[in-house]
Amino acid sequence: MIPRALGLLSYIMSDPVGNWYLILHDTLGIIAVVLGIIVGMTFIIRRDMPLRLLKRTRPLMIMILVLWIVTFLLGFIVYISGYGSFLSP
C-alpha cells in the first residue's frame, strides 16, 4: 500500500480535489496500519496483565477497525469509479 501511494504521489497531487478519494484512502490506511502495529507490539512487549491491557486498548482497537472499514470502503469506491485499472500493477 505505501509503495503504491508513493509511486502515484505525483499523479495524486496533480489534481488533489479530483483525487480526494485516493488521498483519504491512503492516509487513513497508513494511519490504521501504524496504529495496528503499535497495538500489536504493545501485546508482544508487555506480556504481563493481558486482560487488563486488553481492556485498556479496546477503544483503540475499535478505532482501528472503524478506520480499516472506512479505508476498505473508500478503496472499493476508488476501484469501482475506474481508478482500479489505472492503479493495478
Foldseek 3Di string as FASTA:
>chain_A
DVVLCVVCVVVCVVDVVVNVLVVLLVVLVVVLVVLVVVLVVVCVVDVPPPVVSCVVCVVVVVVSVVSVVVSVVSVVVCCVVPCVVVSDD
